[in-house]
Amino acid sequence: MPGFGRVTIRPVDPVADLDTIHSWVGQERARFWGMRGLDRERVGEIYAYLDSLDTHHAYLLRLDGVPVALFQTYQPEHDPVGECYDVRPGDFGIHLMIGPPPPDGVRPGFTGTLLRVFLDFVLSTPGRTRILAEPDARNERAIARLVGAGFVPGPQIDLPEKRAQLLFLDPATRYPACPGPATAEENS
């Protein structure tokens, strides 16, 4: 999207990114992330554990160098959600949290552009034939955003920490409501 800025994606560094992540997950706006009330040490333990897995990954998206979103990916067959629906070969799960607005303010198409960049990144790996999201069923804004991006609602399921709304994206639909084009770079 012209004039939006440069969006980059890189894996979370559980030590270097801890202050940013802890400050985000503790906010009221992140209540559906399920980590409000956790102290810095516990959040660090969670992201260090996540970093040790081959099946789950966390990424920070930056806009012109400023962290703006936290995204996680997972293989559903290696996650509790995989016990609650019929996992297909090629299914790939995501979690997303948009951070607080950047210091220079929210730009037009902010959330949609970040979602599109992340989905493009996720779908750039061959073999991912369906993307799964499972937000808290009460999180109407997240569900509406995902439906607007082309996800199709599935059943609601009960997970240990929440009642979740399953949503599926067939990459062939390519999220029509997200603004674009956008580009991303993966930084290691």
N, C-alpha and C. Protein backbone atom coordinates (compact mmCIF):
# COMPACT_ATOMS: atom_id res chain seq x y z
N MET A 1 0.85 -1.16 0.00
CA MET A 1 0.00 0.00 0.00
C MET A 1 0.90 1.23 0.00
N PRO A 2 0.86 2.05 -1.02
CA PRO A 2 1.74 3.21 -1.10
C PRO A 2 1.58 4.13 0.11
N GLY A 3 2.73 4.56 0.63
CA GLY A 3 2.73 5.47 1.76
C GLY A 3 2.51 4.82 3.11
N PHE A 4 2.34 3.50 3.14
CA PHE A 4 2.09 2.82 4.40
C PHE A 4 3.36 2.73 5.24
N GLY A 5 4.47 2.46 4.60
CA GLY A 5 5.73 2.26 5.31
C GLY A 5 6.25 0.86 5.06
N ARG A 6 7.39 0.57 5.64
CA ARG A 6 8.06 -0.72 5.44
C ARG A 6 7.72 -1.66 6.59
N VAL A 7 7.10 -2.79 6.26
CA VAL A 7 6.76 -3.80 7.25
C VAL A 7 7.79 -4.93 7.16
N THR A 8 8.35 -5.28 8.31
CA THR A 8 9.29 -6.40 8.37
C THR A 8 8.78 -7.42 9.38
N ILE A 9 9.17 -8.67 9.17
CA ILE A 9 8.79 -9.77 10.04
C ILE A 9 10.07 -10.45 10.50
N ARG A 10 10.14 -10.72 11.80
CA ARG A 10 11.27 -11.50 12.29
C ARG A 10 10.81 -12.34 13.47
N PRO A 11 11.47 -13.49 13.69
CA PRO A 11 11.11 -14.31 14.84
C PRO A 11 11.30 -13.53 16.15
N VAL A 12 10.45 -13.83 17.11
CA VAL A 12 10.56 -13.22 18.43
C VAL A 12 11.86 -13.71 19.08
N ASP A 13 12.57 -12.79 19.68
CA ASP A 13 13.71 -13.12 20.54
C ASP A 13 13.15 -13.06 21.96
N PRO A 14 13.01 -14.22 22.65
CA PRO A 14 12.33 -14.24 23.94
C PRO A 14 12.98 -13.33 25.00
N VAL A 15 14.24 -13.01 24.85
CA VAL A 15 14.91 -12.13 25.81
C VAL A 15 14.82 -10.67 25.35
N ALA A 16 15.26 -10.40 24.14
CA ALA A 16 15.31 -9.02 23.64
C ALA A 16 13.92 -8.40 23.47
N ASP A 17 12.91 -9.22 23.16
CA ASP A 17 11.57 -8.70 22.91
C ASP A 17 10.64 -8.80 24.11
N LEU A 18 11.15 -9.27 25.24
CA LEU A 18 10.29 -9.53 26.40
C LEU A 18 9.59 -8.27 26.91
N ASP A 19 10.29 -7.15 27.00
CA ASP A 19 9.64 -5.94 27.52
C ASP A 19 8.46 -5.52 26.64
N THR A 20 8.66 -5.58 25.33
CA THR A 20 7.57 -5.21 24.40
C THR A 20 6.39 -6.16 24.56
N ILE A 21 6.66 -7.45 24.52
CA ILE A 21 5.57 -8.43 24.59
C ILE A 21 4.86 -8.34 25.94
N HIS A 22 5.61 -8.26 27.03
CA HIS A 22 4.98 -8.18 28.35
C HIS A 22 4.10 -6.95 28.47
N SER A 23 4.56 -5.82 27.95
CA SER A 23 3.74 -4.60 28.04
C SER A 23 2.46 -4.74 27.21
N TRP A 24 2.51 -5.43 26.09
CA TRP A 24 1.32 -5.60 25.25
C TRP A 24 0.32 -6.57 25.87
N VAL A 25 0.79 -7.76 26.31
CA VAL A 25 -0.14 -8.79 26.76
C VAL A 25 -0.82 -8.42 28.08
N GLY A 26 -0.28 -7.45 28.80
CA GLY A 26 -0.87 -7.03 30.05
C GLY A 26 -1.97 -5.99 29.92
N GLN A 27 -2.15 -5.46 28.73
CA GLN A 27 -3.14 -4.40 28.52
C GLN A 27 -4.56 -4.98 28.39
N GLU A 28 -5.53 -4.17 28.77
CA GLU A 28 -6.94 -4.57 28.65
C GLU A 28 -7.28 -4.96 27.21
N ARG A 29 -6.73 -4.23 26.24
CA ARG A 29 -7.03 -4.52 24.83
C ARG A 29 -6.57 -5.91 24.42
N ALA A 30 -5.68 -6.54 25.21
CA ALA A 30 -5.15 -7.87 24.90
C ALA A 30 -5.79 -8.96 25.77
N ARG A 31 -6.94 -8.67 26.36
CA ARG A 31 -7.56 -9.60 27.29
C ARG A 31 -7.81 -10.97 26.67
N PHE A 32 -8.10 -11.02 25.39
CA PHE A 32 -8.38 -12.31 24.75
C PHE A 32 -7.10 -13.10 24.47
N TRP A 33 -5.94 -12.48 24.63
CA TRP A 33 -4.67 -13.18 24.43
C TRP A 33 -4.43 -14.15 25.58
N GLY A 34 -5.07 -13.89 26.73
CA GLY A 34 -5.04 -14.82 27.84
C GLY A 34 -3.82 -14.71 28.75
N MET A 35 -3.11 -13.58 28.69
CA MET A 35 -1.90 -13.46 29.50
C MET A 35 -1.92 -12.27 30.45
N ARG A 36 -3.06 -11.59 30.55
CA ARG A 36 -3.17 -10.45 31.47
C ARG A 36 -2.91 -10.95 32.88
N GLY A 37 -2.19 -10.17 33.64
CA GLY A 37 -1.91 -10.54 35.02
C GLY A 37 -0.66 -11.37 35.20
N LEU A 38 -0.06 -11.84 34.11
CA LEU A 38 1.18 -12.60 34.24
C LEU A 38 2.35 -11.64 34.42
N ASP A 39 3.27 -12.02 35.29
CA ASP A 39 4.43 -11.15 35.49
C ASP A 39 5.43 -11.36 34.35
N ARG A 40 6.40 -10.46 34.31
CA ARG A 40 7.39 -10.46 33.23
C ARG A 40 8.12 -11.81 33.14
N GLU A 41 8.46 -12.37 34.28
CA GLU A 41 9.19 -13.64 34.30
C GLU A 41 8.37 -14.76 33.66
N ARG A 42 7.09 -14.84 33.99
CA ARG A 42 6.24 -15.90 33.44
C ARG A 42 6.05 -15.73 31.93
N VAL A 43 5.85 -14.50 31.48
CA VAL A 43 5.74 -14.26 30.03
C VAL A 43 7.04 -14.67 29.34
N GLY A 44 8.17 -14.36 29.95
CA GLY A 44 9.46 -14.77 29.39
C GLY A 44 9.59 -16.28 29.30
N GLU A 45 9.12 -16.99 30.33
CA GLU A 45 9.17 -18.46 30.31
C GLU A 45 8.31 -19.02 29.17
N ILE A 46 7.14 -18.44 28.99
CA ILE A 46 6.24 -18.91 27.93
C ILE A 46 6.88 -18.73 26.56
N TYR A 47 7.47 -17.56 26.31
CA TYR A 47 8.06 -17.32 24.99
C TYR A 47 9.38 -18.06 24.81
N ALA A 48 10.11 -18.34 25.88
CA ALA A 48 11.31 -19.18 25.77
C ALA A 48 10.90 -20.60 25.42
N TYR A 49 9.83 -21.10 26.05
CA TYR A 49 9.33 -22.43 25.72
C TYR A 49 8.86 -22.48 24.27
N LEU A 50 8.08 -21.51 23.86
CA LEU A 50 7.60 -21.44 22.48
C LEU A 50 8.76 -21.45 21.50
N ASP A 51 9.82 -20.72 21.83
CA ASP A 51 11.01 -20.64 20.98
C ASP A 51 11.73 -21.99 20.87
N SER A 52 11.53 -22.87 21.84
CA SER A 52 12.21 -24.17 21.83
C SER A 52 11.49 -25.20 20.96
N LEU A 53 10.28 -24.89 20.54
CA LEU A 53 9.48 -25.85 19.77
C LEU A 53 9.74 -25.74 18.27
N ASP A 54 9.63 -26.86 17.58
CA ASP A 54 9.72 -26.86 16.11
C ASP A 54 8.35 -26.67 15.47
N THR A 55 7.28 -26.79 16.25
CA THR A 55 5.92 -26.79 15.71
C THR A 55 5.17 -25.48 15.95
N HIS A 56 5.71 -24.61 16.78
CA HIS A 56 5.08 -23.35 17.15
C HIS A 56 6.13 -22.24 17.03
N HIS A 57 5.73 -21.09 16.49
CA HIS A 57 6.68 -19.98 16.30
C HIS A 57 5.99 -18.66 16.57
N ALA A 58 6.77 -17.70 17.03
CA ALA A 58 6.25 -16.35 17.29
C ALA A 58 7.06 -15.35 16.48
N TYR A 59 6.37 -14.32 15.98
CA TYR A 59 6.98 -13.29 15.13
C TYR A 59 6.53 -11.90 15.58
N LEU A 60 7.44 -10.95 15.48
CA LEU A 60 7.08 -9.55 15.65
C LEU A 60 7.06 -8.91 14.28
N LEU A 61 6.03 -8.16 14.01
CA LEU A 61 5.99 -7.33 12.81
C LEU A 61 6.35 -5.92 13.23
N ARG A 62 7.19 -5.31 12.41
CA ARG A 62 7.60 -3.94 12.66
C ARG A 62 7.18 -3.08 11.47
N LEU A 63 6.77 -1.87 11.78
CA LEU A 63 6.45 -0.89 10.76
C LEU A 63 7.47 0.22 10.88
N ASP A 64 8.29 0.36 9.86
CA ASP A 64 9.39 1.34 9.88
C ASP A 64 10.23 1.20 11.14
N GLY A 65 10.48 -0.06 11.54
CA GLY A 65 11.35 -0.35 12.67
C GLY A 65 10.66 -0.39 14.02
N VAL A 66 9.39 -0.02 14.11
CA VAL A 66 8.67 0.02 15.38
C VAL A 66 7.80 -1.23 15.50
N PRO A 67 7.91 -2.00 16.60
CA PRO A 67 7.05 -3.18 16.76
C PRO A 67 5.57 -2.77 16.76
N VAL A 68 4.76 -3.48 15.95
CA VAL A 68 3.33 -3.15 15.85
C VAL A 68 2.41 -4.35 15.98
N ALA A 69 2.94 -5.57 15.89
CA ALA A 69 2.07 -6.74 15.98
C ALA A 69 2.86 -7.97 16.40
N LEU A 70 2.17 -8.86 17.08
CA LEU A 70 2.71 -10.14 17.49
C LEU A 70 1.86 -11.22 16.83
N PHE A 71 2.51 -12.10 16.09
CA PHE A 71 1.82 -13.19 15.43
C PHE A 71 2.48 -14.50 15.82
N GLN A 72 1.67 -15.53 15.94
CA GLN A 72 2.19 -16.85 16.24
C GLN A 72 1.62 -17.84 15.23
N THR A 73 2.42 -18.86 14.94
CA THR A 73 1.98 -19.92 14.05
C THR A 73 2.15 -21.25 14.77
N TYR A 74 1.37 -22.23 14.33
CA TYR A 74 1.49 -23.55 14.93
C TYR A 74 0.94 -24.61 13.98
N GLN A 75 1.41 -25.82 14.19
CA GLN A 75 0.89 -26.96 13.47
C GLN A 75 -0.25 -27.54 14.33
N PRO A 76 -1.48 -27.49 13.84
CA PRO A 76 -2.63 -27.89 14.67
C PRO A 76 -2.53 -29.32 15.21
N GLU A 77 -1.90 -30.21 14.47
CA GLU A 77 -1.80 -31.59 14.94
C GLU A 77 -0.89 -31.71 16.17
N HIS A 78 -0.14 -30.66 16.48
CA HIS A 78 0.75 -30.63 17.65
C HIS A 78 0.28 -29.60 18.68
N ASP A 79 -1.01 -29.33 18.70
CA ASP A 79 -1.59 -28.32 19.56
C ASP A 79 -2.93 -28.85 20.09
N PRO A 80 -3.35 -28.40 21.28
CA PRO A 80 -4.65 -28.87 21.79
C PRO A 80 -5.81 -28.65 20.83
N VAL A 81 -5.76 -27.62 19.99
CA VAL A 81 -6.84 -27.38 19.04
C VAL A 81 -7.01 -28.56 18.08
N GLY A 82 -5.94 -29.27 17.80
CA GLY A 82 -5.99 -30.41 16.90
C GLY A 82 -6.82 -31.57 17.41
N GLU A 83 -7.10 -31.57 18.72
CA GLU A 83 -7.94 -32.61 19.31
C GLU A 83 -9.42 -32.27 19.19
N CYS A 84 -9.72 -31.06 18.70
CA CYS A 84 -11.10 -30.56 18.70
C CYS A 84 -11.72 -30.44 17.32
N TYR A 85 -10.97 -30.71 16.28
CA TYR A 85 -11.54 -30.68 14.94
C TYR A 85 -10.74 -31.65 14.08
N ASP A 86 -11.26 -31.95 12.89
CA ASP A 86 -10.63 -32.90 11.98
C ASP A 86 -9.51 -32.19 11.20
N VAL A 87 -8.28 -32.33 11.68
CA VAL A 87 -7.12 -31.68 11.06
C VAL A 87 -6.87 -32.33 9.70
N ARG A 88 -6.71 -31.48 8.69
CA ARG A 88 -6.39 -31.95 7.33
C ARG A 88 -4.89 -31.76 7.07
N PRO A 89 -4.31 -32.58 6.21
CA PRO A 89 -2.93 -32.32 5.81
C PRO A 89 -2.84 -30.91 5.20
N GLY A 90 -1.84 -30.16 5.59
CA GLY A 90 -1.67 -28.80 5.07
C GLY A 90 -2.31 -27.72 5.92
N ASP A 91 -3.06 -28.11 6.98
CA ASP A 91 -3.62 -27.10 7.89
C ASP A 91 -2.48 -26.43 8.65
N PHE A 92 -2.64 -25.14 8.90
CA PHE A 92 -1.62 -24.37 9.60
C PHE A 92 -2.32 -23.30 10.43
N GLY A 93 -2.02 -23.24 11.71
CA GLY A 93 -2.72 -22.34 12.61
C GLY A 93 -1.99 -21.03 12.87
N ILE A 94 -2.79 -19.99 13.15
CA ILE A 94 -2.23 -18.67 13.47
C ILE A 94 -2.95 -18.06 14.67
N HIS A 95 -2.22 -17.23 15.39
CA HIS A 95 -2.76 -16.34 16.41
C HIS A 95 -2.24 -14.96 16.05
N LEU A 96 -3.02 -13.93 16.29
CA LEU A 96 -2.53 -12.59 16.00
C LEU A 96 -2.98 -11.60 17.04
N MET A 97 -2.08 -10.66 17.33
CA MET A 97 -2.40 -9.56 18.22
C MET A 97 -1.75 -8.30 17.66
N ILE A 98 -2.58 -7.34 17.36
CA ILE A 98 -2.09 -6.04 16.92
C ILE A 98 -1.69 -5.27 18.18
N GLY A 99 -0.50 -4.70 18.17
CA GLY A 99 -0.03 -3.96 19.33
C GLY A 99 -0.68 -2.59 19.42
N PRO A 100 -0.26 -1.83 20.42
CA PRO A 100 -0.78 -0.46 20.55
C PRO A 100 -0.41 0.35 19.31
N PRO A 101 -1.16 1.41 19.03
CA PRO A 101 -0.85 2.23 17.85
C PRO A 101 0.59 2.75 17.91
N PRO A 102 1.26 2.83 16.76
CA PRO A 102 2.62 3.37 16.74
C PRO A 102 2.63 4.84 17.14
N PRO A 103 3.80 5.36 17.55
CA PRO A 103 3.88 6.74 18.02
C PRO A 103 3.35 7.77 17.03
N ASP A 104 3.49 7.49 15.72
CA ASP A 104 3.01 8.45 14.72
C ASP A 104 1.55 8.23 14.34
N GLY A 105 0.85 7.34 15.06
CA GLY A 105 -0.57 7.12 14.83
C GLY A 105 -0.85 5.96 13.88
N VAL A 106 -2.09 5.55 13.87
CA VAL A 106 -2.52 4.45 13.00
C VAL A 106 -2.73 4.99 11.60
N ARG A 107 -2.22 4.28 10.64
CA ARG A 107 -2.35 4.65 9.23
C ARG A 107 -3.59 3.97 8.64
N PRO A 108 -4.15 4.55 7.59
CA PRO A 108 -5.30 3.90 6.94
C PRO A 108 -4.95 2.47 6.53
N GLY A 109 -5.86 1.55 6.80
CA GLY A 109 -5.64 0.15 6.45
C GLY A 109 -4.64 -0.56 7.34
N PHE A 110 -4.37 -0.03 8.52
CA PHE A 110 -3.32 -0.53 9.42
C PHE A 110 -3.47 -2.02 9.70
N THR A 111 -4.57 -2.43 10.32
CA THR A 111 -4.73 -3.82 10.71
C THR A 111 -4.82 -4.74 9.50
N GLY A 112 -5.59 -4.35 8.50
CA GLY A 112 -5.72 -5.17 7.30
C GLY A 112 -4.41 -5.38 6.57
N THR A 113 -3.60 -4.34 6.51
CA THR A 113 -2.30 -4.47 5.84
C THR A 113 -1.38 -5.39 6.61
N LEU A 114 -1.34 -5.25 7.94
CA LEU A 114 -0.49 -6.13 8.74
C LEU A 114 -0.95 -7.58 8.61
N LEU A 115 -2.25 -7.80 8.62
CA LEU A 115 -2.78 -9.16 8.45
C LEU A 115 -2.40 -9.71 7.09
N ARG A 116 -2.54 -8.90 6.06
CA ARG A 116 -2.19 -9.37 4.71
C ARG A 116 -0.71 -9.72 4.61
N VAL A 117 0.15 -8.88 5.14
CA VAL A 117 1.59 -9.16 5.10
C VAL A 117 1.88 -10.47 5.82
N PHE A 118 1.26 -10.66 6.99
CA PHE A 118 1.51 -11.89 7.73
C PHE A 118 0.97 -13.10 6.99
N LEU A 119 -0.23 -13.02 6.44
CA LEU A 119 -0.78 -14.15 5.70
C LEU A 119 0.06 -14.47 4.47
N ASP A 120 0.54 -13.46 3.78
CA ASP A 120 1.44 -13.69 2.64
C ASP A 120 2.69 -14.44 3.10
N PHE A 121 3.22 -14.03 4.25
CA PHE A 121 4.41 -14.69 4.82
C PHE A 121 4.10 -16.15 5.14
N VAL A 122 2.99 -16.40 5.83
CA VAL A 122 2.60 -17.76 6.20
C VAL A 122 2.38 -18.62 4.96
N LEU A 123 1.72 -18.08 3.96
CA LEU A 123 1.38 -18.85 2.77
C LEU A 123 2.55 -18.98 1.79
N SER A 124 3.67 -18.33 2.07
CA SER A 124 4.83 -18.45 1.18
C SER A 124 5.52 -19.80 1.33
N THR A 125 5.17 -20.56 2.35
CA THR A 125 5.73 -21.89 2.54
C THR A 125 4.85 -22.91 1.81
N PRO A 126 5.42 -23.66 0.87
CA PRO A 126 4.62 -24.65 0.13
C PRO A 126 3.99 -25.68 1.07
N GLY A 127 2.83 -26.16 0.68
CA GLY A 127 2.17 -27.22 1.42
C GLY A 127 1.13 -26.75 2.42
N ARG A 128 1.05 -25.46 2.64
CA ARG A 128 0.04 -24.94 3.55
C ARG A 128 -1.23 -24.70 2.74
N THR A 129 -2.18 -25.59 2.92
CA THR A 129 -3.37 -25.56 2.08
C THR A 129 -4.59 -24.93 2.73
N ARG A 130 -4.52 -24.74 4.06
CA ARG A 130 -5.63 -24.11 4.77
C ARG A 130 -5.10 -23.49 6.05
N ILE A 131 -5.49 -22.25 6.28
CA ILE A 131 -5.05 -21.54 7.48
C ILE A 131 -6.19 -21.56 8.49
N LEU A 132 -5.85 -21.84 9.73
CA LEU A 132 -6.80 -21.93 10.83
C LEU A 132 -6.54 -20.80 11.81
N ALA A 133 -7.60 -20.15 12.24
CA ALA A 133 -7.53 -19.20 13.35
C ALA A 133 -8.58 -19.64 14.35
N GLU A 134 -8.32 -19.41 15.63
CA GLU A 134 -9.27 -19.84 16.66
C GLU A 134 -9.34 -18.81 17.78
N PRO A 135 -9.83 -17.61 17.44
CA PRO A 135 -9.96 -16.59 18.48
C PRO A 135 -11.03 -16.95 19.51
N ASP A 136 -10.95 -16.30 20.65
CA ASP A 136 -11.98 -16.42 21.67
C ASP A 136 -13.32 -16.09 21.01
N ALA A 137 -14.33 -16.92 21.24
CA ALA A 137 -15.64 -16.73 20.59
C ALA A 137 -16.28 -15.39 20.95
N ARG A 138 -15.84 -14.76 22.04
CA ARG A 138 -16.39 -13.46 22.44
C ARG A 138 -15.69 -12.29 21.74
N ASN A 139 -14.60 -12.57 21.06
CA ASN A 139 -13.81 -11.51 20.43
C ASN A 139 -14.40 -11.19 19.05
N GLU A 140 -15.49 -10.46 19.07
CA GLU A 140 -16.22 -10.16 17.84
C GLU A 140 -15.39 -9.36 16.84
N ARG A 141 -14.54 -8.47 17.32
CA ARG A 141 -13.72 -7.67 16.40
C ARG A 141 -12.73 -8.54 15.63
N ALA A 142 -12.08 -9.46 16.32
CA ALA A 142 -11.12 -10.34 15.64
C ALA A 142 -11.83 -11.24 14.65
N ILE A 143 -12.97 -11.78 15.06
CA ILE A 143 -13.72 -12.66 14.15
C ILE A 143 -14.16 -11.88 12.91
N ALA A 144 -14.67 -10.68 13.09
CA ALA A 144 -15.10 -9.86 11.95
C ALA A 144 -13.92 -9.54 11.03
N ARG A 145 -12.77 -9.22 11.61
CA ARG A 145 -11.57 -8.92 10.80
C ARG A 145 -11.18 -10.13 9.98
N LEU A 146 -11.18 -11.30 10.58
CA LEU A 146 -10.79 -12.52 9.86
C LEU A 146 -11.80 -12.88 8.78
N VAL A 147 -13.08 -12.75 9.08
CA VAL A 147 -14.11 -13.01 8.05
C VAL A 147 -13.94 -12.02 6.90
N GLY A 148 -13.68 -10.76 7.21
CA GLY A 148 -13.45 -9.76 6.17
C GLY A 148 -12.22 -10.06 5.32
N ALA A 149 -11.29 -10.82 5.90
CA ALA A 149 -10.08 -11.19 5.18
C ALA A 149 -10.25 -12.49 4.40
N GLY A 150 -11.46 -13.06 4.42
CA GLY A 150 -11.72 -14.26 3.63
C GLY A 150 -11.84 -15.55 4.43
N PHE A 151 -11.65 -15.49 5.75
CA PHE A 151 -11.82 -16.69 6.56
C PHE A 151 -13.30 -17.05 6.62
N VAL A 152 -13.57 -18.34 6.70
CA VAL A 152 -14.94 -18.85 6.78
C VAL A 152 -15.12 -19.47 8.17
N PRO A 153 -16.17 -19.04 8.90
CA PRO A 153 -16.38 -19.61 10.23
C PRO A 153 -16.69 -21.10 10.18
N GLY A 154 -16.11 -21.80 11.13
CA GLY A 154 -16.40 -23.21 11.36
C GLY A 154 -17.13 -23.34 12.69
N PRO A 155 -17.00 -24.47 13.33
CA PRO A 155 -17.68 -24.65 14.61
C PRO A 155 -16.98 -23.92 15.75
N GLN A 156 -17.69 -23.74 16.84
CA GLN A 156 -17.06 -23.30 18.08
C GLN A 156 -16.61 -24.54 18.83
N ILE A 157 -15.47 -24.41 19.52
CA ILE A 157 -14.91 -25.54 20.26
C ILE A 157 -14.53 -25.07 21.66
N ASP A 158 -14.41 -26.02 22.57
CA ASP A 158 -13.97 -25.72 23.92
C ASP A 158 -12.52 -26.14 24.08
N LEU A 159 -11.67 -25.16 24.36
CA LEU A 159 -10.27 -25.39 24.66
C LEU A 159 -10.08 -25.19 26.17
N PRO A 160 -8.97 -25.63 26.73
CA PRO A 160 -8.79 -25.49 28.18
C PRO A 160 -8.94 -24.04 28.68
N GLU A 161 -8.54 -23.07 27.89
CA GLU A 161 -8.54 -21.68 28.36
C GLU A 161 -9.64 -20.81 27.76
N LYS A 162 -10.43 -21.36 26.83
CA LYS A 162 -11.45 -20.51 26.19
C LYS A 162 -12.41 -21.33 25.36
N ARG A 163 -13.54 -20.72 25.04
CA ARG A 163 -14.43 -21.20 23.99
C ARG A 163 -13.96 -20.48 22.74
N ALA A 164 -13.60 -21.22 21.72
CA ALA A 164 -12.99 -20.64 20.53
C ALA A 164 -13.89 -20.79 19.31
N GLN A 165 -13.80 -19.80 18.44
CA GLN A 165 -14.47 -19.84 17.14
C GLN A 165 -13.44 -20.26 16.12
N LEU A 166 -13.62 -21.42 15.50
CA LEU A 166 -12.72 -21.83 14.44
C LEU A 166 -13.07 -21.06 13.17
N LEU A 167 -12.03 -20.61 12.47
CA LEU A 167 -12.19 -19.94 11.18
C LEU A 167 -11.12 -20.50 10.25
N PHE A 168 -11.48 -20.69 8.99
CA PHE A 168 -10.57 -21.30 8.03
C PHE A 168 -10.42 -20.41 6.80
N LEU A 169 -9.19 -20.33 6.31
CA LEU A 169 -8.91 -19.58 5.09
C LEU A 169 -8.35 -20.53 4.05
N ASP A 170 -9.03 -20.62 2.94
CA ASP A 170 -8.53 -21.34 1.78
C ASP A 170 -7.67 -20.35 1.01
N PRO A 171 -6.38 -20.62 0.85
CA PRO A 171 -5.51 -19.64 0.18
C PRO A 171 -6.00 -19.20 -1.20
N ALA A 172 -6.83 -20.01 -1.84
CA ALA A 172 -7.35 -19.63 -3.16
C ALA A 172 -8.23 -18.40 -3.07
N THR A 173 -8.84 -18.15 -1.90
CA THR A 173 -9.69 -16.97 -1.75
C THR A 173 -8.86 -15.71 -1.55
N ARG A 174 -7.67 -15.86 -1.03
CA ARG A 174 -6.68 -14.77 -0.85
C ARG A 174 -7.25 -13.48 -0.28
N TYR A 175 -7.99 -13.61 0.80
CA TYR A 175 -8.39 -12.48 1.63
C TYR A 175 -8.73 -11.21 0.86
N PRO A 176 -9.88 -11.15 0.25
CA PRO A 176 -10.26 -10.05 -0.64
C PRO A 176 -10.38 -8.68 0.03
N ALA A 177 -10.69 -8.62 1.30
CA ALA A 177 -10.96 -7.32 1.93
C ALA A 177 -9.70 -6.64 2.47
N CYS A 178 -8.57 -7.32 2.41
CA CYS A 178 -7.34 -6.70 2.91
C CYS A 178 -6.77 -5.77 1.85
N PRO A 179 -6.35 -4.59 2.23
CA PRO A 179 -5.76 -3.69 1.26
C PRO A 179 -4.42 -4.23 0.79
N GLY A 180 -3.97 -3.81 -0.32
CA GLY A 180 -2.68 -4.29 -0.80
C GLY A 180 -2.30 -3.47 -2.01
N PRO A 181 -1.23 -3.77 -2.66
CA PRO A 181 -0.30 -4.81 -2.26
C PRO A 181 0.59 -4.34 -1.10
N ALA A 182 1.13 -5.30 -0.38
CA ALA A 182 2.07 -4.99 0.69
C ALA A 182 3.25 -5.94 0.54
N THR A 183 4.36 -5.58 1.09
CA THR A 183 5.53 -6.43 1.02
C THR A 183 6.09 -6.62 2.41
N ALA A 184 6.81 -7.69 2.58
CA ALA A 184 7.43 -7.97 3.86
C ALA A 184 8.81 -8.56 3.61
N GLU A 185 9.67 -8.41 4.56
CA GLU A 185 10.97 -9.04 4.53
C GLU A 185 11.09 -9.86 5.79
N GLU A 186 11.69 -11.03 5.68
CA GLU A 186 11.93 -11.82 6.86
C GLU A 186 13.35 -11.51 7.30
N ASN A 187 13.50 -11.11 8.53
CA ASN A 187 14.81 -10.82 9.08
C ASN A 187 15.15 -11.87 10.11
N SER A 188 16.34 -12.42 10.04
CA SER A 188 16.75 -13.45 11.01
C SER A 188 17.62 -12.84 12.07
